[in-house]
N, C-alpha and C. Protein backbone atom coordinates (compact mmCIF):
# COMPACT_ATOMS: atom_id res chain seq x y z
N UNK A 1 -18.99 -5.99 -11.63
CA UNK A 1 -20.15 -6.69 -11.30
C UNK A 1 -19.84 -7.09 -9.84
N UNK A 2 -18.78 -7.45 -9.30
CA UNK A 2 -18.64 -7.56 -7.92
C UNK A 2 -18.99 -6.56 -7.18
N UNK A 3 -18.80 -5.54 -7.02
CA UNK A 3 -18.80 -4.17 -6.72
C UNK A 3 -20.50 -4.09 -6.49
N UNK A 4 -21.33 -4.21 -7.96
CA UNK A 4 -22.62 -3.86 -7.53
C UNK A 4 -23.18 -4.72 -6.82
N UNK A 5 -22.60 -6.14 -6.53
CA UNK A 5 -22.97 -7.06 -5.72
C UNK A 5 -23.07 -6.74 -4.04
N UNK A 6 -21.77 -6.22 -3.96
CA UNK A 6 -21.55 -5.78 -2.42
C UNK A 6 -22.47 -4.61 -2.17
N UNK A 7 -22.68 -3.86 -3.17
CA UNK A 7 -23.53 -2.39 -2.99
C UNK A 7 -24.99 -3.12 -2.59
N UNK A 8 -25.30 -3.85 -3.42
CA UNK A 8 -26.77 -4.50 -3.18
C UNK A 8 -26.78 -4.97 -1.79
N UNK A 9 -25.88 -6.00 -1.27
CA UNK A 9 -25.71 -6.25 -0.11
C UNK A 9 -25.61 -5.54 1.09
N UNK A 10 -25.09 -4.24 0.89
CA UNK A 10 -25.16 -3.30 1.59
C UNK A 10 -26.10 -2.64 1.80
N UNK A 11 -26.93 -2.38 0.80
CA UNK A 11 -28.25 -1.66 0.88
C UNK A 11 -29.14 -2.50 1.70
N UNK A 12 -29.05 -3.48 1.58
CA UNK A 12 -30.22 -4.74 2.28
C UNK A 12 -29.75 -4.80 3.47
N UNK A 13 -28.65 -4.94 3.85
CA UNK A 13 -28.10 -4.84 5.44
C UNK A 13 -28.62 -3.40 5.96
N UNK A 14 -28.58 -2.40 5.37
CA UNK A 14 -28.80 -0.99 5.86
C UNK A 14 -30.41 -1.03 6.11
N UNK A 15 -30.95 -1.64 5.21
CA UNK A 15 -32.56 -1.49 5.13
C UNK A 15 -33.14 -2.39 6.33
N UNK A 16 -32.20 -3.75 6.49
CA UNK A 16 -32.84 -4.69 7.50
C UNK A 16 -32.54 -3.87 8.85
N UNK A 17 -31.31 -3.11 9.18
CA UNK A 17 -30.98 -2.42 10.19
C UNK A 17 -32.16 -1.33 10.53
N UNK A 18 -32.30 -0.62 9.45
CA UNK A 18 -33.48 0.20 9.56
C UNK A 18 -34.82 -0.23 10.06
N UNK A 19 -35.30 -1.21 9.61
CA UNK A 19 -36.56 -1.94 10.04
C UNK A 19 -36.40 -2.23 11.46
N UNK A 20 -35.07 -3.02 12.09
CA UNK A 20 -34.74 -3.40 13.28
C UNK A 20 -34.91 -2.31 14.08
N UNK A 21 -34.26 -0.99 13.91
CA UNK A 21 -34.04 -0.06 15.09
C UNK A 21 -33.58 1.26 14.21
N UNK A 22 -34.55 2.13 13.71
CA UNK A 22 -34.31 3.44 12.99
C UNK A 22 -33.56 4.23 13.88
N UNK A 23 -33.54 4.47 14.94
CA UNK A 23 -32.86 5.26 15.68
C UNK A 23 -31.46 4.95 15.73
N UNK A 24 -31.10 3.68 16.06
CA UNK A 24 -29.50 3.19 15.88
C UNK A 24 -28.91 3.18 14.58
N UNK A 25 -29.57 3.06 13.91
CA UNK A 25 -29.21 3.01 12.26
C UNK A 25 -29.02 4.23 11.88
N UNK A 26 -30.01 5.36 12.03
CA UNK A 26 -29.36 6.98 11.82
C UNK A 26 -28.18 7.48 12.58
N UNK A 27 -28.04 6.98 13.78
CA UNK A 27 -26.88 7.53 14.61
C UNK A 27 -25.69 6.52 13.74
N UNK A 28 -25.63 5.39 13.52
CA UNK A 28 -24.62 4.74 12.66
C UNK A 28 -24.53 5.42 11.49
N UNK A 29 -25.49 6.15 10.93
CA UNK A 29 -25.13 6.78 9.65
C UNK A 29 -24.44 8.13 9.79
N UNK A 30 -24.79 8.75 11.04
CA UNK A 30 -24.32 9.93 10.99
C UNK A 30 -22.87 9.92 11.55
N UNK A 31 -22.65 8.56 12.42
CA UNK A 31 -20.88 8.51 12.71
C UNK A 31 -20.19 7.96 11.42
N UNK A 32 -20.88 7.46 10.30
CA UNK A 32 -20.27 6.81 9.29
C UNK A 32 -20.11 8.08 8.39
N UNK A 33 -21.01 9.15 8.49
CA UNK A 33 -20.84 10.26 7.57
C UNK A 33 -19.67 11.25 8.18
N UNK A 34 -19.35 11.41 9.49
CA UNK A 34 -18.60 12.06 10.00
C UNK A 34 -17.27 11.57 9.80
N UNK A 35 -17.11 10.10 9.98
CA UNK A 35 -15.86 9.55 9.63
C UNK A 35 -15.30 9.51 8.24
N UNK A 36 -16.58 9.67 7.37
CA UNK A 36 -16.04 10.00 5.58
C UNK A 36 -15.54 11.29 5.70
N UNK A 37 -16.28 12.35 6.37
CA UNK A 37 -15.71 13.78 6.32
C UNK A 37 -14.50 14.17 6.70
N UNK A 38 -14.21 13.16 7.78
CA UNK A 38 -12.52 13.22 8.32
C UNK A 38 -11.40 12.60 7.20
N UNK A 39 -11.90 11.49 6.83
CA UNK A 39 -10.95 10.93 5.67
C UNK A 39 -10.94 11.62 4.53
N UNK A 40 -11.85 12.16 4.23
CA UNK A 40 -11.91 12.77 2.73
C UNK A 40 -10.58 13.65 2.33
N UNK A 41 -10.02 14.52 3.29
CA UNK A 41 -8.97 15.45 2.71
C UNK A 41 -7.91 14.45 2.50
N UNK A 42 -7.56 13.65 3.64
CA UNK A 42 -6.64 12.65 3.49
C UNK A 42 -6.66 11.66 2.19
N UNK A 43 -7.89 11.35 1.84
CA UNK A 43 -7.93 10.52 0.31
C UNK A 43 -7.82 11.37 -1.01
N UNK A 44 -8.17 12.79 -0.78
CA UNK A 44 -7.80 13.48 -1.94
C UNK A 44 -6.27 13.98 -1.85
N UNK A 45 -5.93 13.77 -0.92
CA UNK A 45 -4.37 13.98 -0.53
C UNK A 45 -3.64 12.93 -1.64
N UNK A 46 -4.14 11.85 -1.18
CA UNK A 46 -3.42 10.41 -1.74
C UNK A 46 -3.71 10.23 -3.01
N UNK A 47 -4.93 10.68 -3.89
CA UNK A 47 -5.31 10.85 -5.36
C UNK A 47 -4.11 12.07 -5.50
N UNK A 48 -4.34 12.96 -5.03
CA UNK A 48 -3.22 14.05 -5.47
C UNK A 48 -1.64 13.64 -5.86
N UNK A 49 -1.34 13.19 -4.39
CA UNK A 49 0.35 12.31 -4.69
C UNK A 49 0.40 11.22 -5.73
N UNK A 50 -0.60 10.36 -5.74
CA UNK A 50 -0.27 9.49 -6.65
C UNK A 50 -0.37 10.25 -8.31
N UNK A 51 -1.35 11.06 -8.51
CA UNK A 51 -1.31 11.83 -9.82
C UNK A 51 0.12 12.84 -10.11
N UNK A 52 0.43 13.22 -8.75
CA UNK A 52 1.57 13.83 -9.21
C UNK A 52 2.83 12.76 -9.45
N UNK A 53 3.02 11.51 -8.95
CA UNK A 53 3.97 10.81 -9.05
C UNK A 53 3.88 10.14 -10.50
N UNK A 54 2.95 9.79 -10.98
CA UNK A 54 2.43 9.39 -12.19
C UNK A 54 2.65 10.31 -13.41
N UNK A 55 2.34 11.89 -12.88
CA UNK A 55 2.86 12.73 -14.08
C UNK A 55 4.18 13.04 -14.01
N UNK A 56 5.20 12.80 -13.13
CA UNK A 56 6.32 12.85 -12.90
C UNK A 56 7.35 11.81 -13.99
N UNK A 57 6.46 10.83 -13.72
CA UNK A 57 7.35 9.64 -14.27
C UNK A 57 6.48 9.12 -15.55
N UNK A 58 6.85 9.00 -16.52
CA UNK A 58 6.27 8.44 -17.84
C UNK A 58 6.41 7.17 -17.76
N UNK A 59 5.09 6.67 -18.15
CA UNK A 59 4.96 5.23 -18.44
C UNK A 59 6.21 4.28 -18.75
N UNK A 60 6.91 4.97 -19.74
CA UNK A 60 8.35 4.31 -20.24
C UNK A 60 9.38 4.31 -19.09
N UNK A 61 9.41 5.13 -18.45
CA UNK A 61 10.26 5.14 -17.37
C UNK A 61 9.78 4.35 -16.19
N UNK A 62 8.49 4.08 -16.03
CA UNK A 62 8.29 2.93 -14.85
C UNK A 62 8.10 1.61 -15.58
N UNK A 63 8.09 1.69 -16.75
CA UNK A 63 8.35 0.17 -17.38
C UNK A 63 9.72 -0.25 -17.44
N UNK A 64 10.59 0.78 -17.85
CA UNK A 64 12.35 0.56 -17.81
C UNK A 64 12.98 0.32 -16.44
N UNK A 65 12.31 1.16 -15.24
CA UNK A 65 13.13 0.99 -14.25
C UNK A 65 12.47 -0.15 -13.41
N UNK A 66 11.03 -0.36 -13.39
CA UNK A 66 10.53 -1.62 -12.57
C UNK A 66 10.15 -2.67 -13.40
N UNK A 67 11.14 -3.25 -13.95
CA UNK A 67 10.45 -4.39 -14.81
C UNK A 67 11.03 -5.64 -14.10
N UNK A 68 10.54 -7.07 -14.50
CA UNK A 68 10.96 -8.23 -13.95
C UNK A 68 12.32 -8.59 -14.60
N UNK A 69 12.40 -8.09 -15.67
CA UNK A 69 13.81 -8.64 -16.47
C UNK A 69 14.99 -8.68 -15.95
N UNK A 70 15.34 -7.51 -15.01
CA UNK A 70 16.49 -6.89 -14.42
C UNK A 70 16.35 -7.38 -13.33
N UNK A 71 17.67 -8.02 -12.47
CA UNK A 71 17.58 -8.10 -11.08
C UNK A 71 17.75 -7.03 -10.23
N UNK A 72 18.48 -5.72 -11.02
CA UNK A 72 18.62 -4.59 -10.22
C UNK A 72 17.18 -3.78 -9.90
N UNK A 73 16.37 -4.14 -10.79
CA UNK A 73 15.25 -3.48 -10.68
C UNK A 73 14.66 -3.85 -9.56
N UNK A 74 14.37 -4.98 -9.27
CA UNK A 74 13.72 -5.58 -8.19
C UNK A 74 14.54 -5.07 -6.84
N UNK A 75 16.06 -5.21 -6.81
CA UNK A 75 17.11 -4.58 -5.94
C UNK A 75 16.47 -2.91 -5.63
N UNK A 76 16.79 -2.25 -6.74
CA UNK A 76 16.47 -0.88 -6.64
C UNK A 76 14.87 -0.43 -5.91
N UNK A 77 13.99 -1.52 -5.98
CA UNK A 77 12.82 -0.94 -5.55
C UNK A 77 12.61 -1.36 -4.27
N UNK A 78 13.48 -2.68 -3.70
CA UNK A 78 13.64 -2.86 -2.32
C UNK A 78 14.27 -1.79 -1.52
N UNK A 79 15.33 -1.32 -2.02
CA UNK A 79 15.85 -0.12 -1.29
C UNK A 79 15.23 1.05 -1.35
N UNK A 80 14.58 1.66 -2.35
CA UNK A 80 13.70 2.54 -2.34
C UNK A 80 12.41 2.34 -1.29
N UNK A 81 12.06 0.93 -0.84
CA UNK A 81 11.10 0.80 -0.26
C UNK A 81 11.56 0.75 1.39
N UNK A 82 12.77 0.42 1.25
CA UNK A 82 13.51 0.50 2.71
C UNK A 82 13.84 1.81 3.35
N UNK A 83 13.97 2.78 2.44
CA UNK A 83 14.32 4.09 2.68
C UNK A 83 12.99 5.11 2.83
N UNK A 84 11.88 4.48 2.31
CA UNK A 84 10.76 5.30 2.17
C UNK A 84 9.82 5.26 3.48
N UNK A 85 9.30 6.50 3.90
CA UNK A 85 8.76 6.27 5.03
C UNK A 85 6.89 7.10 4.01
N UNK A 86 6.15 6.11 4.19
CA UNK A 86 4.92 6.44 3.53
C UNK A 86 3.91 5.29 4.17
N UNK A 87 2.66 5.88 4.30
CA UNK A 87 1.61 4.97 4.91
C UNK A 87 1.44 3.64 3.74
N UNK A 88 0.83 2.92 4.33
CA UNK A 88 0.54 1.53 3.38
C UNK A 88 -0.61 2.29 2.51
N UNK A 89 -1.68 2.92 3.05
CA UNK A 89 -2.77 3.23 2.52
C UNK A 89 -2.43 4.11 1.14
N UNK A 90 -1.28 4.71 1.38
CA UNK A 90 -0.85 5.40 0.18
C UNK A 90 0.33 4.44 -0.85
N UNK A 91 1.00 3.58 -0.33
CA UNK A 91 1.78 2.55 -0.87
C UNK A 91 0.89 1.90 -1.91
N UNK A 92 0.00 1.32 -1.48
CA UNK A 92 -0.72 0.24 -2.16
C UNK A 92 -1.52 0.84 -3.39
N UNK A 93 -2.24 1.92 -3.33
CA UNK A 93 -2.82 2.53 -4.59
C UNK A 93 -1.69 2.87 -5.55
N UNK A 94 -0.66 3.37 -4.98
CA UNK A 94 0.76 3.74 -5.58
C UNK A 94 1.00 2.77 -6.58
N UNK A 95 1.36 1.61 -5.66
CA UNK A 95 1.75 0.42 -6.51
C UNK A 95 0.84 -0.13 -7.35
N UNK A 96 -0.31 -0.09 -7.16
CA UNK A 96 -1.38 -0.50 -8.12
C UNK A 96 -1.40 0.26 -9.51
N UNK A 97 -1.08 1.76 -9.21
CA UNK A 97 -1.09 2.53 -10.60
C UNK A 97 0.29 2.40 -10.98
N UNK A 98 1.43 1.73 -10.54
CA UNK A 98 2.63 1.48 -11.22
C UNK A 98 2.27 0.17 -11.98
N UNK A 99 1.84 -0.51 -11.35
CA UNK A 99 1.42 -1.86 -12.11
C UNK A 99 0.78 -1.59 -13.48
N UNK A 100 -0.35 -0.78 -13.31
CA UNK A 100 -1.04 -0.53 -14.54
C UNK A 100 -0.24 0.14 -15.49
N UNK A 101 0.69 1.03 -15.39
CA UNK A 101 1.38 1.43 -16.23
C UNK A 101 2.88 0.76 -16.96
N UNK A 102 2.82 -0.40 -16.52
CA UNK A 102 3.62 -1.35 -16.93
C UNK A 102 4.72 -1.85 -16.28
N UNK A 103 4.55 -1.34 -14.66
CA UNK A 103 5.79 -2.08 -13.81
C UNK A 103 5.58 -3.84 -13.46
N UNK A 104 6.85 -4.29 -13.57
CA UNK A 104 6.55 -5.69 -12.95
C UNK A 104 6.08 -5.89 -11.71
N UNK A 105 5.72 -7.19 -11.47
CA UNK A 105 5.20 -7.44 -10.17
C UNK A 105 6.20 -7.53 -9.35
N UNK A 106 7.61 -8.05 -9.60
CA UNK A 106 8.36 -8.53 -8.79
C UNK A 106 8.93 -7.33 -7.77
N UNK A 107 9.37 -6.21 -8.78
CA UNK A 107 9.82 -4.84 -8.33
C UNK A 107 9.02 -4.20 -7.18
N UNK A 108 7.57 -4.34 -7.60
CA UNK A 108 6.70 -3.69 -6.86
C UNK A 108 6.35 -4.34 -5.61
N UNK A 109 6.41 -5.83 -5.84
CA UNK A 109 6.22 -6.40 -4.41
C UNK A 109 7.31 -6.39 -3.42
N UNK A 110 8.43 -5.95 -3.93
CA UNK A 110 9.47 -5.65 -3.34
C UNK A 110 9.66 -4.50 -2.21
N UNK A 111 9.17 -3.30 -3.35
CA UNK A 111 8.82 -2.00 -2.71
C UNK A 111 7.90 -1.93 -1.36
N UNK A 112 6.83 -2.49 -1.95
CA UNK A 112 5.73 -2.73 -0.84
C UNK A 112 6.20 -3.49 0.29
N UNK A 113 6.62 -4.39 0.20
CA UNK A 113 7.26 -5.22 0.98
C UNK A 113 8.27 -4.95 2.01
N UNK A 114 9.24 -4.18 1.40
CA UNK A 114 10.23 -3.29 2.30
C UNK A 114 9.59 -2.43 3.04
N UNK A 115 8.71 -1.68 2.11
CA UNK A 115 8.07 -0.34 2.58
C UNK A 115 7.38 -0.76 4.10
N UNK A 116 6.75 -1.92 3.90
CA UNK A 116 6.16 -2.22 5.40
C UNK A 116 6.98 -3.07 6.63
N UNK A 117 7.86 -3.49 6.25
CA UNK A 117 8.83 -4.42 6.73
C UNK A 117 10.23 -4.03 7.26
N UNK A 118 10.86 -3.17 6.44
CA UNK A 118 12.32 -2.39 6.81
C UNK A 118 11.82 -0.97 7.00
N UNK A 119 12.83 -0.37 8.32
CA UNK A 119 12.74 0.78 8.83
C UNK A 119 14.04 1.61 9.13
N UNK A 120 14.69 1.67 7.75
CA UNK A 120 16.30 2.12 7.88
C UNK A 120 15.98 3.69 8.33
N UNK A 121 14.87 4.58 8.05
CA UNK A 121 14.61 5.90 8.67
C UNK A 121 14.55 5.82 9.80
N UNK A 122 13.74 4.79 10.34
CA UNK A 122 12.95 4.99 11.67
C UNK A 122 13.99 3.91 12.59
N UNK A 123 15.22 3.68 11.95
CA UNK A 123 16.05 2.61 12.91
C UNK A 123 16.52 3.23 14.22
N UNK A 124 16.72 4.76 14.23
CA UNK A 124 17.52 5.51 15.29
C UNK A 124 16.43 5.14 16.66
N UNK A 125 15.14 5.56 16.24
CA UNK A 125 14.17 5.44 17.16
C UNK A 125 13.90 3.67 17.69
N UNK A 126 13.87 2.69 16.67
CA UNK A 126 13.83 1.35 17.36
C UNK A 126 15.04 1.15 17.80
N UNK A 127 16.11 1.37 17.54
CA UNK A 127 17.19 1.29 18.48
C UNK A 127 17.31 1.60 19.76
N UNK A 128 16.59 2.81 19.93
CA UNK A 128 16.50 3.35 21.35
C UNK A 128 15.66 2.38 22.30
N UNK A 129 14.62 1.50 21.55
CA UNK A 129 13.56 0.95 22.31
C UNK A 129 14.51 -0.61 22.24
N UNK A 130 14.66 -1.29 21.33
CA UNK A 130 15.23 -2.76 20.94
C UNK A 130 16.61 -2.88 20.96
N UNK A 131 17.56 -1.82 21.05
CA UNK A 131 18.70 -2.14 21.11
C UNK A 131 19.20 -2.11 19.30
N UNK A 132 20.81 -1.87 19.14
CA UNK A 132 21.21 -2.00 17.84
C UNK A 132 21.26 -3.25 17.31
N UNK A 133 21.87 -4.26 18.03
CA UNK A 133 21.79 -5.37 17.47
C UNK A 133 20.46 -6.26 17.11
N UNK A 134 19.38 -6.17 17.59
CA UNK A 134 18.11 -6.54 17.09
C UNK A 134 17.58 -5.90 16.20
N UNK A 135 17.55 -4.61 16.28
CA UNK A 135 17.01 -3.49 15.00
C UNK A 135 17.92 -4.14 13.82
N UNK A 136 19.08 -4.31 13.70
CA UNK A 136 20.19 -4.35 12.56
C UNK A 136 19.65 -5.52 12.15
N UNK A 137 19.55 -6.77 13.04
CA UNK A 137 19.34 -8.21 12.39
C UNK A 137 17.71 -8.16 11.81
N UNK A 138 16.96 -7.35 12.84
CA UNK A 138 15.53 -7.27 12.09
C UNK A 138 14.97 -6.91 10.63
N UNK A 139 16.00 -5.47 10.55
CA UNK A 139 16.29 -4.93 9.26
C UNK A 139 16.58 -5.87 8.06
N UNK A 140 17.91 -6.51 8.41
CA UNK A 140 18.37 -7.49 7.30
C UNK A 140 17.85 -8.31 7.01
N UNK A 141 16.98 -9.13 7.96
CA UNK A 141 16.11 -10.42 7.82
C UNK A 141 14.86 -10.01 7.10
N UNK A 142 14.32 -8.72 7.45
CA UNK A 142 13.36 -8.32 6.71
C UNK A 142 13.22 -8.09 5.25
N UNK A 143 14.89 -7.26 5.16
CA UNK A 143 15.06 -6.79 3.90
C UNK A 143 15.06 -8.43 2.81
N UNK A 144 15.95 -9.29 3.29
CA UNK A 144 16.09 -10.22 2.36
C UNK A 144 14.66 -11.14 2.25
N UNK A 145 13.65 -11.55 3.65
CA UNK A 145 12.46 -11.80 3.58
C UNK A 145 11.79 -11.33 2.77
N UNK A 146 11.78 -9.94 2.15
CA UNK A 146 10.93 -9.25 1.51
C UNK A 146 11.50 -9.51 -0.23
N UNK A 147 12.70 -9.68 -0.22
CA UNK A 147 13.21 -10.04 -1.77
C UNK A 147 12.89 -11.42 -1.77
N UNK A 148 12.59 -12.37 -1.23
CA UNK A 148 12.16 -13.90 -1.31
C UNK A 148 10.66 -13.64 -1.70
N UNK A 149 10.01 -12.56 -0.83
CA UNK A 149 8.37 -12.57 -1.06
C UNK A 149 8.29 -12.06 -2.49
N UNK A 150 9.03 -11.15 -2.80
CA UNK A 150 8.85 -10.40 -4.30
C UNK A 150 8.87 -11.34 -5.14
N UNK A 151 10.08 -12.15 -5.30
CA UNK A 151 10.52 -13.33 -6.20
C UNK A 151 9.29 -14.15 -6.02
N UNK A 152 8.60 -14.78 -5.11
CA UNK A 152 7.52 -15.52 -5.11
C UNK A 152 6.64 -14.87 -5.80
N UNK A 153 6.11 -13.77 -5.49
CA UNK A 153 4.87 -12.94 -5.92
C UNK A 153 5.23 -12.78 -7.47
N UNK A 154 6.24 -12.49 -8.16
CA UNK A 154 6.71 -12.31 -9.17
C UNK A 154 6.54 -13.50 -10.17
N UNK A 155 6.99 -14.76 -9.47
CA UNK A 155 6.54 -16.13 -10.33
C UNK A 155 5.01 -16.51 -10.01
N UNK A 156 4.53 -16.22 -9.06
CA UNK A 156 3.15 -16.50 -8.89
C UNK A 156 2.04 -15.61 -9.77
N UNK A 157 2.33 -14.75 -9.86
CA UNK A 157 1.43 -13.56 -10.48
C UNK A 157 1.90 -12.88 -11.89
N UNK A 158 3.02 -13.44 -12.24
CA UNK A 158 3.41 -12.85 -13.56
C UNK A 158 3.28 -14.00 -14.51
């Protein structure tokens, strides 16, 4: 229902824009269409990647490995997130799919949080800019902050 309301509001705003300035509205729609066409292959790739991951991992496996009952589940998800290089726009739909398949909130929050906050794979590049000590401390503090965030998310949302 919320989506329907948003679509109606968008159509009303588009109509108002067209009444105010048809030329600008048409130009904006052309720009939007061009952006959509550029993004479409990436979105199809995301859908394909998520489908592939969900095909390779059975729901029982996802539930067994990423559950709230085991502390190692959250730790494993945090380590995987720390070692993975994945854009957030792929990670969030993948995390949502894992949640729908029965994964726990805490491990998925740990995965997504460490994915965005910790950079083990990118550490050599970061060291060249910020130095070894700052990079090490930033990653350690980010990892533990992600665990705390995951714990809070697990308690609040579960």
